[in-house]
PDB file of N, CA and C in Angstrom:
ATOM      1  N   MET A   1    -197.841   7.447 -68.924  1.00  0.00           N
ATOM      2  CA  MET A   1    -197.463   6.656 -68.373  1.00  0.00           C
ATOM      3  C   MET A   1    -199.096   6.008 -67.609  1.00  0.00           C
ATOM      4  N   THR A   2    -199.528   4.992 -67.595  1.00  0.00           N
ATOM      5  CA  THR A   2    -200.791   4.349 -67.173  1.00  0.00           C
ATOM      6  C   THR A   2    -200.413   3.898 -65.815  1.00  0.00           C
ATOM      7  N   LYS A   3    -201.766   3.913 -64.869  1.00  0.00           N
ATOM      8  CA  LYS A   3    -201.245   3.733 -63.720  1.00  0.00           C
ATOM      9  C   LYS A   3    -201.945   2.035 -64.013  1.00  0.00           C
ATOM     10  N   ARG A   4    -200.939   1.362 -62.833  1.00  0.00           N
ATOM     11  CA  ARG A   4    -201.120  -0.198 -62.637  1.00  0.00           C
ATOM     12  C   ARG A   4    -201.477  -0.572 -61.556  1.00  0.00           C
ATOM     13  N   THR A   5    -202.760  -1.415 -61.914  1.00  0.00           N
ATOM     14  CA  THR A   5    -203.475  -1.765 -60.703  1.00  0.00           C
ATOM     15  C   THR A   5    -203.002  -3.168 -59.862  1.00  0.00           C
ATOM     16  N   ARG A   6    -203.105  -3.110 -58.932  1.00  0.00           N
ATOM     17  CA  ARG A   6    -202.553  -4.111 -58.022  1.00  0.00           C
ATOM     18  C   ARG A   6    -203.357  -5.754 -58.634  1.00  0.00           C
ATOM     19  N   GLY A   7    -202.526  -6.566 -58.655  1.00  0.00           N
ATOM     20  CA  GLY A   7    -203.573  -8.095 -59.106  1.00  0.00           C
ATOM     21  C   GLY A   7    -203.587  -8.848 -58.302  1.00  0.00           C
ATOM     22  N   ASN A   8    -204.718  -9.437 -58.083  1.00  0.00           N
ATOM     23  CA  ASN A   8    -205.051 -10.550 -56.974  1.00  0.00           C
ATOM     24  C   ASN A   8    -204.971 -11.809 -57.574  1.00  0.00           C
ATOM     25  N   HIS A   9    -203.746 -12.617 -57.349  1.00  0.00           N
ATOM     26  CA  HIS A   9    -203.996 -13.777 -58.039  1.00  0.00           C
ATOM     27  C   HIS A   9    -204.438 -15.463 -57.144  1.00  0.00           C
ATOM     28  N   GLY A  10    -205.072 -15.693 -57.640  1.00  0.00           N
ATOM     29  CA  GLY A  10    -205.399 -16.943 -56.992  1.00  0.00           C
ATOM     30  C   GLY A  10    -204.343 -17.741 -56.253  1.00  0.00           C
ATOM     31  N   PRO A  11    -204.657 -18.879 -55.657  1.00  0.00           N
ATOM     32  CA  PRO A  11    -203.970 -20.040 -55.399  1.00  0.00           C
ATOM     33  C   PRO A  11    -203.441 -20.711 -56.052  1.00  0.00           C
ATOM     34  N   ALA A  12    -204.321 -21.092 -57.281  1.00  0.00           N
ATOM     35  CA  ALA A  12    -203.969 -22.231 -58.437  1.00  0.00           C
ATOM     36  C   ALA A  12    -202.756 -21.403 -59.566  1.00  0.00           C
ATOM     37  N   PHE A  13    -202.811 -20.281 -59.336  1.00  0.00           N
ATOM     38  CA  PHE A  13    -202.050 -19.453 -60.342  1.00  0.00           C
ATOM     39  C   PHE A  13    -200.638 -19.940 -59.654  1.00  0.00           C
ATOM     40  N   LYS A  14    -200.668 -19.149 -58.308  1.00  0.00           N
ATOM     41  CA  LYS A  14    -199.312 -18.846 -57.615  1.00  0.00           C
ATOM     42  C   LYS A  14    -198.518 -20.388 -57.667  1.00  0.00           C
ATOM     43  N   ALA A  15    -199.556 -21.107 -57.524  1.00  0.00           N
ATOM     44  CA  ALA A  15    -199.086 -22.655 -57.451  1.00  0.00           C
ATOM     45  C   ALA A  15    -198.140 -22.893 -58.875  1.00  0.00           C
ATOM     46  N   LYS A  16    -199.010 -22.530 -59.753  1.00  0.00           N
ATOM     47  CA  LYS A  16    -198.594 -22.618 -61.144  1.00  0.00           C
ATOM     48  C   LYS A  16    -196.922 -22.044 -61.608  1.00  0.00           C
ATOM     49  N   VAL A  17    -196.743 -20.744 -61.194  1.00  0.00           N
ATOM     50  CA  VAL A  17    -195.985 -19.774 -61.504  1.00  0.00           C
ATOM     51  C   VAL A  17    -194.877 -20.652 -60.344  1.00  0.00           C
ATOM     52  N   ALA A  18    -194.901 -21.212 -59.154  1.00  0.00           N
ATOM     53  CA  ALA A  18    -194.079 -21.506 -58.704  1.00  0.00           C
ATOM     54  C   ALA A  18    -193.231 -22.633 -58.628  1.00  0.00           C
ATOM     55  N   LEU A  19    -194.313 -23.782 -59.525  1.00  0.00           N
ATOM     56  CA  LEU A  19    -193.829 -24.753 -60.138  1.00  0.00           C
ATOM     57  C   LEU A  19    -193.162 -24.710 -60.929  1.00  0.00           C
ATOM     58  N   ALA A  20    -193.284 -23.295 -61.720  1.00  0.00           N
ATOM     59  CA  ALA A  20    -192.761 -23.599 -62.731  1.00  0.00           C
ATOM     60  C   ALA A  20    -191.201 -23.058 -62.662  1.00  0.00           C
ATOM     61  N   ALA A  21    -191.319 -22.374 -61.414  1.00  0.00           N
ATOM     62  CA  ALA A  21    -190.147 -21.509 -60.975  1.00  0.00           C
ATOM     63  C   ALA A  21    -188.892 -22.882 -60.473  1.00  0.00           C
ATOM     64  N   ILE A  22    -189.651 -23.396 -59.924  1.00  0.00           N
ATOM     65  CA  ILE A  22    -189.053 -24.951 -59.466  1.00  0.00           C
ATOM     66  C   ILE A  22    -188.389 -25.747 -60.465  1.00  0.00           C
ATOM     67  N   LYS A  23    -189.252 -26.187 -61.463  1.00  0.00           N
ATOM     68  CA  LYS A  23    -188.479 -26.881 -62.663  1.00  0.00           C
ATOM     69  C   LYS A  23    -187.188 -26.084 -63.252  1.00  0.00           C
ATOM     70  N   GLY A  24    -187.598 -24.859 -63.051  1.00  0.00           N
ATOM     71  CA  GLY A  24    -186.189 -24.357 -63.949  1.00  0.00           C
ATOM     72  C   GLY A  24    -186.156 -24.107 -65.429  1.00  0.00           C
ATOM     73  N   GLU A  25    -186.979 -24.671 -65.820  1.00  0.00           N
ATOM     74  CA  GLU A  25    -186.920 -24.269 -67.318  1.00  0.00           C
ATOM     75  C   GLU A  25    -186.733 -22.871 -68.093  1.00  0.00           C
ATOM     76  N   LYS A  26    -187.373 -22.449 -67.208  1.00  0.00           N
ATOM     77  CA  LYS A  26    -187.156 -20.641 -67.709  1.00  0.00           C
ATOM     78  C   LYS A  26    -186.608 -20.296 -66.820  1.00  0.00           C
ATOM     79  N   THR A  27    -185.803 -18.849 -66.820  1.00  0.00           N
ATOM     80  CA  THR A  27    -185.378 -18.141 -65.866  1.00  0.00           C
ATOM     81  C   THR A  27    -186.486 -17.225 -65.457  1.00  0.00           C
ATOM     82  N   LEU A  28    -186.349 -16.601 -64.145  1.00  0.00           N
ATOM     83  CA  LEU A  28    -187.285 -15.801 -62.875  1.00  0.00           C
ATOM     84  C   LEU A  28    -187.584 -14.808 -64.010  1.00  0.00           C
ATOM     85  N   ALA A  29    -186.667 -14.526 -64.494  1.00  0.00           N
ATOM     86  CA  ALA A  29    -186.999 -12.987 -65.800  1.00  0.00           C
ATOM     87  C   ALA A  29    -188.277 -13.003 -66.507  1.00  0.00           C
ATOM     88  N   GLY A  30    -187.890 -14.689 -66.909  1.00  0.00           N
ATOM     89  CA  GLY A  30    -188.529 -14.875 -68.466  1.00  0.00           C
ATOM     90  C   GLY A  30    -190.009 -15.088 -67.661  1.00  0.00           C
ATOM     91  N   LEU A  31    -189.997 -16.004 -66.682  1.00  0.00           N
ATOM     92  CA  LEU A  31    -191.290 -16.279 -65.837  1.00  0.00           C
ATOM     93  C   LEU A  31    -191.954 -15.254 -65.603  1.00  0.00           C
ATOM     94  N   ALA A  32    -191.388 -13.815 -64.810  1.00  0.00           N
ATOM     95  CA  ALA A  32    -191.783 -13.079 -64.342  1.00  0.00           C
ATOM     96  C   ALA A  32    -192.866 -12.103 -65.856  1.00  0.00           C
ATOM     97  N   GLN A  33    -191.941 -12.115 -66.985  1.00  0.00           N
ATOM     98  CA  GLN A  33    -192.625 -11.142 -68.100  1.00  0.00           C
ATOM     99  C   GLN A  33    -193.417 -11.911 -68.649  1.00  0.00           C
ATOM    100  N   LEU A  34    -193.491 -13.526 -68.359  1.00  0.00           N
ATOM    101  CA  LEU A  34    -194.683 -14.510 -69.184  1.00  0.00           C
ATOM    102  C   LEU A  34    -196.193 -13.991 -68.518  1.00  0.00           C
ATOM    103  N   HIS A  35    -195.584 -14.143 -66.947  1.00  0.00           N
ATOM    104  CA  HIS A  35    -196.829 -14.007 -65.945  1.00  0.00           C
ATOM    105  C   HIS A  35    -197.592 -12.806 -65.589  1.00  0.00           C
ATOM    106  N   ASP A  36    -196.377 -11.542 -66.027  1.00  0.00           N
ATOM    107  CA  ASP A  36    -196.428 -10.336 -65.788  1.00  0.00           C
ATOM    108  C   ASP A  36    -196.853 -10.174 -63.881  1.00  0.00           C
ATOM    109  N   VAL A  37    -195.907 -10.955 -62.985  1.00  0.00           N
ATOM    110  CA  VAL A  37    -195.602 -10.455 -61.775  1.00  0.00           C
ATOM    111  C   VAL A  37    -193.663  -9.870 -62.162  1.00  0.00           C
ATOM    112  N   HIS A  38    -193.892  -9.581 -60.952  1.00  0.00           N
ATOM    113  CA  HIS A  38    -192.247  -9.235 -60.292  1.00  0.00           C
ATOM    114  C   HIS A  38    -191.503 -10.409 -59.998  1.00  0.00           C
ATOM    115  N   PRO A  39    -190.131 -10.645 -60.169  1.00  0.00           N
ATOM    116  CA  PRO A  39    -189.449 -11.814 -60.031  1.00  0.00           C
ATOM    117  C   PRO A  39    -189.523 -12.104 -58.484  1.00  0.00           C
ATOM    118  N   ASN A  40    -189.581 -10.933 -57.668  1.00  0.00           N
ATOM    119  CA  ASN A  40    -189.599 -11.085 -56.253  1.00  0.00           C
ATOM    120  C   ASN A  40    -190.494 -11.863 -55.823  1.00  0.00           C
ATOM    121  N   GLN A  41    -191.890 -11.483 -56.345  1.00  0.00           N
ATOM    122  CA  GLN A  41    -192.913 -12.426 -56.071  1.00  0.00           C
ATOM    123  C   GLN A  41    -192.939 -13.993 -56.282  1.00  0.00           C
ATOM    124  N   ILE A  42    -192.249 -14.284 -57.543  1.00  0.00           N
ATOM    125  CA  ILE A  42    -192.325 -15.364 -57.701  1.00  0.00           C
ATOM    126  C   ILE A  42    -191.109 -16.113 -56.702  1.00  0.00           C
ATOM    127  N   THR A  43    -190.374 -15.465 -56.500  1.00  0.00           N
ATOM    128  CA  THR A  43    -189.085 -15.996 -55.466  1.00  0.00           C
ATOM    129  C   THR A  43    -189.989 -16.321 -54.444  1.00  0.00           C
ATOM    130  N   ALA A  44    -191.106 -15.443 -53.367  1.00  0.00           N
ATOM    131  CA  ALA A  44    -191.575 -15.448 -52.513  1.00  0.00           C
ATOM    132  C   ALA A  44    -192.448 -16.902 -52.450  1.00  0.00           C
ATOM    133  N   TRP A  45    -193.317 -16.952 -53.889  1.00  0.00           N
ATOM    134  CA  TRP A  45    -194.018 -18.339 -53.734  1.00  0.00           C
ATOM    135  C   TRP A  45    -193.261 -19.612 -54.211  1.00  0.00           C
ATOM    136  N   LYS A  46    -192.579 -19.533 -54.637  1.00  0.00           N
ATOM    137  CA  LYS A  46    -191.477 -20.560 -54.883  1.00  0.00           C
ATOM    138  C   LYS A  46    -191.258 -21.266 -53.309  1.00  0.00           C
ATOM    139  N   ALA A  47    -191.022 -20.107 -52.631  1.00  0.00           N
ATOM    140  CA  ALA A  47    -190.283 -20.670 -50.557  1.00  0.00           C
ATOM    141  C   ALA A  47    -191.713 -20.889 -50.285  1.00  0.00           C
ATOM    142  N   GLN A  48    -192.611 -20.272 -50.626  1.00  0.00           N
ATOM    143  CA  GLN A  48    -193.996 -20.741 -49.693  1.00  0.00           C
ATOM    144  C   GLN A  48    -194.382 -22.088 -50.123  1.00  0.00           C
ATOM    145  N   LEU A  49    -194.271 -22.552 -51.390  1.00  0.00           N
ATOM    146  CA  LEU A  49    -194.303 -23.729 -52.044  1.00  0.00           C
ATOM    147  C   LEU A  49    -194.004 -25.049 -51.232  1.00  0.00           C
ATOM    148  N   LEU A  50    -192.388 -24.332 -51.509  1.00  0.00           N
ATOM    149  CA  LEU A  50    -191.479 -25.331 -50.760  1.00  0.00           C
ATOM    150  C   LEU A  50    -191.740 -25.970 -49.615  1.00  0.00           C
ATOM    151  N   GLU A  51    -191.738 -24.540 -48.571  1.00  0.00           N
ATOM    152  CA  GLU A  51    -192.204 -24.646 -47.357  1.00  0.00           C
ATOM    153  C   GLU A  51    -193.420 -25.665 -46.929  1.00  0.00           C
ATOM    154  N   ALA A  52    -194.506 -25.311 -47.792  1.00  0.00           N
ATOM    155  CA  ALA A  52    -195.833 -25.943 -47.349  1.00  0.00           C
ATOM    156  C   ALA A  52    -195.331 -27.597 -47.868  1.00  0.00           C
ATOM    157  N   ALA A  53    -194.698 -27.941 -48.692  1.00  0.00           N
ATOM    158  CA  ALA A  53    -194.200 -29.144 -49.308  1.00  0.00           C
ATOM    159  C   ALA A  53    -193.521 -29.958 -48.204  1.00  0.00           C
ATOM    160  N   ALA A  54    -192.637 -29.458 -47.908  1.00  0.00           N
ATOM    161  CA  ALA A  54    -191.878 -30.176 -46.542  1.00  0.00           C
ATOM    162  C   ALA A  54    -192.941 -30.556 -45.465  1.00  0.00           C
ATOM    163  N   GLY A  55    -193.941 -29.991 -45.524  1.00  0.00           N
ATOM    164  CA  GLY A  55    -194.981 -30.381 -44.411  1.00  0.00           C
ATOM    165  C   GLY A  55    -195.320 -31.337 -44.720  1.00  0.00           C
ATOM    166  N   ILE A  56    -196.190 -31.403 -45.698  1.00  0.00           N
ATOM    167  CA  ILE A  56    -197.036 -32.280 -45.913  1.00  0.00           C
ATOM    168  C   ILE A  56    -196.457 -33.452 -45.774  1.00  0.00           C
ATOM    169  N   PHE A  57    -195.118 -33.709 -46.480  1.00  0.00           N
ATOM    170  CA  PHE A  57    -194.614 -35.348 -46.053  1.00  0.00           C
ATOM    171  C   PHE A  57    -193.877 -35.375 -44.465  1.00  0.00           C
ATOM    172  N   GLY A  58    -194.099 -34.454 -44.123  1.00  0.00           N
ATOM    173  CA  GLY A  58    -193.362 -34.469 -42.596  1.00  0.00           C
ATOM    174  C   GLY A  58    -194.249 -35.260 -41.760  1.00  0.00           C
ATOM    175  N   SER A  59    -194.100 -35.585 -40.455  1.00  0.00           N
ATOM    176  CA  SER A  59    -194.307 -35.992 -39.217  1.00  0.00           C
ATOM    177  C   SER A  59    -195.928 -37.043 -39.358  1.00  0.00           C
ATOM    178  N   GLY A  60    -195.772 -37.605 -40.594  1.00  0.00           N
ATOM    179  CA  GLY A  60    -197.165 -38.621 -41.039  1.00  0.00           C
ATOM    180  C   GLY A  60    -198.236 -38.191 -41.033  1.00  0.00           C
ATOM    181  N   SER A  61    -198.727 -36.680 -41.208  1.00  0.00           N
ATOM    182  CA  SER A  61    -199.607 -35.759 -41.146  1.00  0.00           C
ATOM    183  C   SER A  61    -200.631 -36.294 -42.401  1.00  0.00           C
ATOM    184  N   THR A  62    -201.641 -36.293 -42.171  1.00  0.00           N
ATOM    185  CA  THR A  62    -203.062 -36.985 -42.801  1.00  0.00           C
ATOM    186  C   THR A  62    -204.203 -35.455 -43.769  1.00  0.00           C
ATOM    187  N   GLY A  63    -202.928 -34.529 -43.481  1.00  0.00           N
ATOM    188  CA  GLY A  63    -203.543 -33.368 -43.681  1.00  0.00           C
ATOM    189  C   GLY A  63    -204.945 -32.626 -43.405  1.00  0.00           C
ATOM    190  N   LYS A  64    -205.163 -33.408 -42.165  1.00  0.00           N
ATOM    191  CA  LYS A  64    -206.031 -32.698 -41.405  1.00  0.00           C
ATOM    192  C   LYS A  64    -205.970 -32.399 -39.858  1.00  0.00           C
ATOM    193  N   GLU A  65    -205.946 -31.000 -39.722  1.00  0.00           N
ATOM    194  CA  GLU A  65    -205.717 -30.590 -38.254  1.00  0.00           C
ATOM    195  C   GLU A  65    -206.220 -30.910 -37.295  1.00  0.00           C
ATOM    196  N   THR A  66    -206.180 -31.181 -36.376  1.00  0.00           N
ATOM    197  CA  THR A  66    -206.925 -31.780 -34.852  1.00  0.00           C
ATOM    198  C   THR A  66    -206.986 -30.840 -34.161  1.00  0.00           C
ATOM    199  N   ALA A  67    -207.912 -30.421 -33.564  1.00  0.00           N
ATOM    200  CA  ALA A  67    -208.314 -29.353 -32.264  1.00  0.00           C
ATOM    201  C   ALA A  67    -207.335 -29.461 -31.266  1.00  0.00           C
ATOM    202  N   PRO A  68    -206.760 -29.031 -30.149  1.00  0.00           N
ATOM    203  CA  PRO A  68    -205.935 -29.518 -28.930  1.00  0.00           C
ATOM    204  C   PRO A  68    -207.266 -30.010 -27.987  1.00  0.00           C
ATOM    205  N   VAL A  69    -206.768 -30.570 -27.309  1.00  0.00           N
ATOM    206  CA  VAL A  69    -207.713 -31.122 -26.627  1.00  0.00           C
ATOM    207  C   VAL A  69    -207.890 -30.071 -25.235  1.00  0.00           C
ATOM    208  N   VAL A  70    -208.980 -29.371 -24.590  1.00  0.00           N
ATOM    209  CA  VAL A  70    -209.411 -28.252 -23.684  1.00  0.00           C
ATOM    210  C   VAL A  70    -209.836 -28.623 -22.793  1.00  0.00           C
ATOM    211  N   ASP A  71    -209.387 -28.447 -21.146  1.00  0.00           N
ATOM    212  CA  ASP A  71    -209.758 -29.052 -20.346  1.00  0.00           C
ATOM    213  C   ASP A  71    -210.801 -27.839 -19.849  1.00  0.00           C
ATOM    214  N   LEU A  72    -211.959 -28.065 -20.290  1.00  0.00           N
ATOM    215  CA  LEU A  72    -213.007 -27.389 -19.470  1.00  0.00           C
ATOM    216  C   LEU A  72    -213.003 -27.090 -18.323  1.00  0.00           C
ATOM    217  N   LYS A  73    -213.585 -27.889 -17.251  1.00  0.00           N
ATOM    218  CA  LYS A  73    -213.437 -27.696 -15.897  1.00  0.00           C
ATOM    219  C   LYS A  73    -212.098 -26.689 -15.156  1.00  0.00           C
ATOM    220  N   ALA A  74    -210.797 -26.777 -15.902  1.00  0.00           N
ATOM    221  CA  ALA A  74    -209.654 -25.809 -15.891  1.00  0.00           C
ATOM    222  C   ALA A  74    -210.223 -24.099 -16.201  1.00  0.00           C
ATOM    223  N   LEU A  75    -210.598 -24.256 -17.140  1.00  0.00           N
ATOM    224  CA  LEU A  75    -211.110 -22.995 -18.067  1.00  0.00           C
ATOM    225  C   LEU A  75    -212.290 -22.350 -16.976  1.00  0.00           C
ATOM    226  N   HIS A  76    -212.914 -23.419 -16.762  1.00  0.00           N
ATOM    227  CA  HIS A  76    -214.475 -22.752 -15.750  1.00  0.00           C
ATOM    228  C   HIS A  76    -213.559 -22.271 -14.535  1.00  0.00           C
ATOM    229  N   ALA A  77    -212.505 -23.056 -13.887  1.00  0.00           N
ATOM    230  CA  ALA A  77    -212.172 -23.052 -12.494  1.00  0.00           C
ATOM    231  C   ALA A  77    -211.528 -21.365 -12.637  1.00  0.00           C
ATOM    232  N   LYS A  78    -210.622 -21.171 -14.104  1.00  0.00           N
ATOM    233  CA  LYS A  78    -209.894 -19.794 -14.077  1.00  0.00           C
ATOM    234  C   LYS A  78    -211.036 -18.739 -14.556  1.00  0.00           C
ATOM    235  N   ILE A  79    -212.195 -18.839 -14.816  1.00  0.00           N
ATOM    236  CA  ILE A  79    -213.064 -17.823 -15.129  1.00  0.00           C
ATOM    237  C   ILE A  79    -213.658 -17.724 -13.766  1.00  0.00           C
ATOM    238  N   GLY A  80    -213.948 -18.769 -12.865  1.00  0.00           N
ATOM    239  CA  GLY A  80    -214.154 -18.214 -11.592  1.00  0.00           C
ATOM    240  C   GLY A  80    -213.678 -17.642 -11.034  1.00  0.00           C
ATOM    241  N   GLU A  81    -212.215 -17.461 -10.810  1.00  0.00           N
ATOM    242  CA  GLU A  81    -210.799 -17.329 -10.354  1.00  0.00           C
ATOM    243  C   GLU A  81    -211.152 -15.730 -10.370  1.00  0.00           C
ATOM    244  N   LEU A  82    -211.031 -15.227 -11.488  1.00  0.00           N
ATOM    245  CA  LEU A  82    -210.930 -14.181 -12.089  1.00  0.00           C
ATOM    246  C   LEU A  82    -211.823 -13.610 -11.888  1.00  0.00           C
ATOM    247  N   MET A  83    -213.298 -14.114 -12.005  1.00  0.00           N
ATOM    248  CA  MET A  83    -214.294 -12.991 -11.746  1.00  0.00           C
ATOM    249  C   MET A  83    -214.462 -12.573  -9.947  1.00  0.00           C
ATOM    250  N   VAL A  84    -214.140 -13.803  -9.520  1.00  0.00           N
ATOM    251  CA  VAL A  84    -213.820 -12.985  -7.895  1.00  0.00           C
ATOM    252  C   VAL A  84    -212.977 -12.210  -7.628  1.00  0.00           C
ATOM    253  N   GLU A  85    -212.071 -12.232  -8.241  1.00  0.00           N
ATOM    254  CA  GLU A  85    -210.838 -10.751  -8.007  1.00  0.00           C
ATOM    255  C   GLU A  85    -211.264  -9.815  -8.778  1.00  0.00           C
ATOM    256  N   ASN A  86    -212.301  -9.529  -9.804  1.00  0.00           N
ATOM    257  CA  ASN A  86    -212.485  -8.455 -10.452  1.00  0.00           C
ATOM    258  C   ASN A  86    -213.470  -7.972  -9.436  1.00  0.00           C
ATOM    259  N   ASP A  87    -214.264  -8.836  -9.109  1.00  0.00           N
ATOM    260  CA  ASP A  87    -215.343  -8.128  -7.875  1.00  0.00           C
ATOM    261  C   ASP A  87    -214.833  -7.989  -6.624  1.00  0.00           C
ATOM    262  N   PHE A  88    -213.878  -8.673  -6.277  1.00  0.00           N
ATOM    263  CA  PHE A  88    -213.026  -7.727  -4.934  1.00  0.00           C
ATOM    264  C   PHE A  88    -212.505  -6.500  -5.013  1.00  0.00           C
ATOM    265  N   LEU A  89    -211.794  -6.469  -6.787  1.00  0.00           N
ATOM    266  CA  LEU A  89    -211.000  -4.829  -6.673  1.00  0.00           C
ATOM    267  C   LEU A  89    -212.060  -4.448  -7.191  1.00  0.00           C
ATOM    268  N   ALA A  90    -213.271  -4.228  -7.945  1.00  0.00           N
ATOM    269  CA  ALA A  90    -213.515  -3.310  -8.012  1.00  0.00           C
ATOM    270  C   ALA A  90    -214.835  -2.963  -6.486  1.00  0.00           C
ATOM    271  N   GLY A  91    -214.937  -3.541  -5.653  1.00  0.00           N
ATOM    272  CA  GLY A  91    -215.741  -3.476  -4.505  1.00  0.00           C
ATOM    273  C   GLY A  91    -214.135  -2.209  -3.703  1.00  0.00           C
ATOM    274  N   ALA A  92    -212.854  -2.817  -3.695  1.00  0.00           N
ATOM    275  CA  ALA A  92    -212.166  -1.736  -3.012  1.00  0.00           C
ATOM    276  C   ALA A  92    -211.776  -0.440  -3.691  1.00  0.00           C
ATOM    277  N   LEU A  93    -212.124  -0.352  -5.137  1.00  0.00           N
ATOM    278  CA  LEU A  93    -211.772   1.247  -5.874  1.00  0.00           C
ATOM    279  C   LEU A  93    -213.096   1.341  -5.192  1.00  0.00           C
ATOM    280  N   GLY A  94    -214.204   1.436  -5.101  1.00  0.00           N
ATOM    281  CA  GLY A  94    -215.548   1.588  -4.874  1.00  0.00           C
ATOM    282  C   GLY A  94    -215.357   2.188  -3.310  1.00  0.00           C
ATOM    283  N   LYS A  95    -214.638   1.711  -2.568  1.00  0.00           N
ATOM    284  CA  LYS A  95    -214.584   2.112  -1.176  1.00  0.00           C
ATOM    285  C   LYS A  95    -213.720   3.064  -0.822  1.00  0.00           C
ATOM    286  N   ALA A  96    -213.021   2.594  -1.993  1.00  0.00           N
ATOM    287  CA  ALA A  96    -211.535   4.076  -1.907  1.00  0.00           C
ATOM    288  C   ALA A  96    -211.910   5.490  -2.676  1.00  0.00           C
ATOM    289  N   GLY A  97    -213.177   5.462  -3.459  1.00  0.00           N
ATOM    290  CA  GLY A  97    -213.539   6.739  -4.124  1.00  0.00           C
ATOM    291  C   GLY A  97    -212.880   6.667  -5.617  1.00  0.00           C
ATOM    292  N   LEU A  98    -212.166   5.672  -6.091  1.00  0.00           N
ATOM    293  CA  LEU A  98    -211.435   5.939  -7.506  1.00  0.00           C
ATOM    294  C   LEU A  98    -212.474   5.136  -8.195  1.00  0.00           C
ATOM    295  N   LEU A  99    -213.369   4.529  -8.443  1.00  0.00           N
ATOM    296  CA  LEU A  99    -214.201   3.909  -9.066  1.00  0.00           C
ATOM    297  C   LEU A  99    -215.852   4.355  -9.103  1.00  0.00           C
ATOM    298  N   SER A 100    -216.101   5.261 -10.441  1.00  0.00           N
ATOM    299  CA  SER A 100    -217.266   5.758 -10.076  1.00  0.00           C
ATOM    300  C   SER A 100    -218.266   4.535 -10.349  1.00  0.00           C
ATOM    301  N   ALA A 101    -219.768   5.754  -9.679  1.00  0.00           N
ATOM    302  CA  ALA A 101    -220.687   4.492  -9.431  1.00  0.00           C
ATOM    303  C   ALA A 101    -221.083   3.836 -10.795  1.00  0.00           C
ATOM    304  N   LYS A 102    -221.138   4.450 -11.702  1.00  0.00           N
ATOM    305  CA  LYS A 102    -221.768   4.524 -13.234  1.00  0.00           C
ATOM    306  C   LYS A 102    -220.888   3.261 -14.008  1.00  0.00           C
ATOM    307  N   ARG A 103    -221.137   2.368 -14.353  1.00  0.00           N
ATOM    308  CA  ARG A 103    -220.289   1.361 -14.949  1.00  0.00           C
ATOM    309  C   ARG A 103    -220.681   0.945 -16.525  1.00  0.00           C
TER     310      ARG A 103
END
């Protein structure tokens, strides 16, 4: 028995096989034998394709994802607050003898 290496399939191959499964011209077993992949893998690729296809046509998406707006002032304020807390706790632990002088 020969050891079978794990196949790394590209997105184009996965899309081609998944589309063939969606068309239904051949059975999953036939497609699996033709493309030398497991039928469960074809089913997973088919599900991924159908899920992604619904996202393409939904909510007027143009295909470009926009980054969420970040409030830099609020982030800087939070960083400052955390630094003050950290310094306070480090001082308190140092006075209690629980924090070593070496950092």
